[in-house]
C-alpha atoms as a PDB file:
ATOM      1  CA  MET A   1     226.134 255.914 287.065  1.00  0.00           C
ATOM      2  CA  GLY A   2     228.519 253.406 285.267  1.00  0.00           C
ATOM      3  CA  ARG A   3     229.150 249.843 285.970  1.00  0.00           C
ATOM      4  CA  PRO A   4     229.089 248.413 289.598  1.00  0.00           C
ATOM      5  CA  ARG A   5     232.507 246.980 290.934  1.00  0.00           C
ATOM      6  CA  ARG A   6     232.885 243.357 291.287  1.00  0.00           C
ATOM      7  CA  ARG A   7     234.906 241.968 293.946  1.00  0.00           C
ATOM      8  CA  GLY A   8     236.582 238.525 293.568  1.00  0.00           C
ATOM      9  CA  ARG A   9     235.209 235.922 291.037  1.00  0.00           C
ATOM     10  CA  ALA A  10     231.602 235.285 290.144  1.00  0.00           C
ATOM     11  CA  ARG A  11     229.807 232.851 291.942  1.00  0.00           C
ATOM     12  CA  PRO A  12     227.594 230.256 290.186  1.00  0.00           C
ATOM     13  CA  ILE A  13     223.920 229.970 291.137  1.00  0.00           C
ATOM     14  CA  LEU A  14     223.435 226.665 292.997  1.00  0.00           C
ATOM     15  CA  ALA A  15     219.722 227.006 294.092  1.00  0.00           C
ATOM     16  CA  PHE A  16     219.026 223.411 294.831  1.00  0.00           C
ATOM     17  CA  ALA A  17     222.352 221.579 294.531  1.00  0.00           C
ATOM     18  CA  GLY A  18     225.281 222.812 296.367  1.00  0.00           C
ATOM     19  CA  GLY A  19     227.087 223.681 299.689  1.00  0.00           C
ATOM     20  CA  VAL A  20     225.174 224.953 302.807  1.00  0.00           C
ATOM     21  CA  HIS A  21     222.429 226.149 300.442  1.00  0.00           C
ATOM     22  CA  SER A  22     221.237 223.078 299.104  1.00  0.00           C
ATOM     23  CA  CYS A  23     217.474 222.448 298.908  1.00  0.00           C
ATOM     24  CA  ILE A  24     216.226 221.020 302.224  1.00  0.00           C
ATOM     25  CA  GLY A  25     213.774 218.597 300.324  1.00  0.00           C
ATOM     26  CA  ALA A  26     216.138 217.567 297.903  1.00  0.00           C
ATOM     27  CA  HIS A  27     217.119 214.022 299.707  1.00  0.00           C
ATOM     28  CA  LEU A  28     213.104 213.528 300.137  1.00  0.00           C
ATOM     29  CA  ALA A  29     212.404 214.273 296.497  1.00  0.00           C
ATOM     30  CA  ARG A  30     215.279 211.730 295.490  1.00  0.00           C
ATOM     31  CA  LEU A  31     213.816 209.034 297.730  1.00  0.00           C
ATOM     32  CA  GLU A  32     210.207 209.718 296.375  1.00  0.00           C
ATOM     33  CA  VAL A  33     211.498 209.267 292.849  1.00  0.00           C
ATOM     34  CA  LYS A  34     213.449 206.259 293.667  1.00  0.00           C
ATOM     35  CA  VAL A  35     210.304 204.491 295.322  1.00  0.00           C
ATOM     36  CA  ALA A  36     208.163 205.437 292.434  1.00  0.00           C
ATOM     37  CA  LEU A  37     210.403 204.079 289.908  1.00  0.00           C
ATOM     38  CA  GLN A  38     211.068 200.870 291.966  1.00  0.00           C
ATOM     39  CA  GLU A  39     207.090 200.437 292.196  1.00  0.00           C
ATOM     40  CA  TRP A  40     206.438 201.008 288.666  1.00  0.00           C
ATOM     41  CA  LEU A  41     209.046 198.629 287.555  1.00  0.00           C
ATOM     42  CA  ARG A  42     207.712 196.023 289.809  1.00  0.00           C
ATOM     43  CA  ARG A  43     204.198 196.467 288.734  1.00  0.00           C
ATOM     44  CA  ILE A  44     204.635 197.143 285.177  1.00  0.00           C
ATOM     45  CA  PRO A  45     207.882 195.463 284.091  1.00  0.00           C
ATOM     46  CA  ASP A  46     207.209 195.066 280.386  1.00  0.00           C
ATOM     47  CA  PHE A  47     206.562 198.605 278.936  1.00  0.00           C
ATOM     48  CA  ALA A  48     207.981 200.461 275.840  1.00  0.00           C
ATOM     49  CA  VAL A  49     207.627 203.832 274.386  1.00  0.00           C
ATOM     50  CA  ARG A  50     204.817 203.628 271.734  1.00  0.00           C
ATOM     51  CA  SER A  51     206.170 203.199 268.172  1.00  0.00           C
ATOM     52  CA  ASP A  52     204.040 206.166 267.055  1.00  0.00           C
ATOM     53  CA  ALA A  53     205.013 208.534 269.919  1.00  0.00           C
ATOM     54  CA  GLU A  54     206.124 211.828 269.220  1.00  0.00           C
ATOM     55  CA  ILE A  55     208.071 213.049 272.144  1.00  0.00           C
ATOM     56  CA  SER A  56     208.295 216.662 272.859  1.00  0.00           C
ATOM     57  CA  TYR A  57     210.166 218.327 275.399  1.00  0.00           C
ATOM     58  CA  TRP A  58     209.714 221.224 277.805  1.00  0.00           C
ATOM     59  CA  PRO A  59     211.399 224.640 276.821  1.00  0.00           C
ATOM     60  CA  GLY A  60     213.893 226.260 279.014  1.00  0.00           C
ATOM     61  CA  GLY A  61     215.390 224.823 282.161  1.00  0.00           C
ATOM     62  CA  VAL A  62     212.965 222.186 282.769  1.00  0.00           C
ATOM     63  CA  VAL A  63     214.656 218.681 282.118  1.00  0.00           C
ATOM     64  CA  GLY A  64     212.319 216.056 280.728  1.00  0.00           C
ATOM     65  CA  PRO A  65     209.740 215.415 278.397  1.00  0.00           C
ATOM     66  CA  ARG A  66     206.264 216.996 278.496  1.00  0.00           C
ATOM     67  CA  SER A  67     204.717 213.665 277.625  1.00  0.00           C
ATOM     68  CA  LEU A  68     206.052 209.921 277.195  1.00  0.00           C
ATOM     69  CA  PRO A  69     203.393 207.817 275.551  1.00  0.00           C
ATOM     70  CA  LEU A  70     203.933 204.195 276.812  1.00  0.00           C
ATOM     71  CA  ALA A  71     202.485 201.026 275.853  1.00  0.00           C
ATOM     72  CA  TRP A  72     202.253 197.646 278.159  1.00  0.00           C
END
């Protein structure tokens, strides 16, 4: 069958972040993270990553660590 024709330029995938097709819950998710971090810092202001911690990260497209051992 051959290769299909492409018209114009390739469009990037913007599943959660761009234009009219942005995620409907993105604003709420950002607000929830902001409030959670503000409360954490208010309640537990003195914390640090444990000195013996081995931080591992999720593979692939997930951003952030699997675990982050803290001490306070």
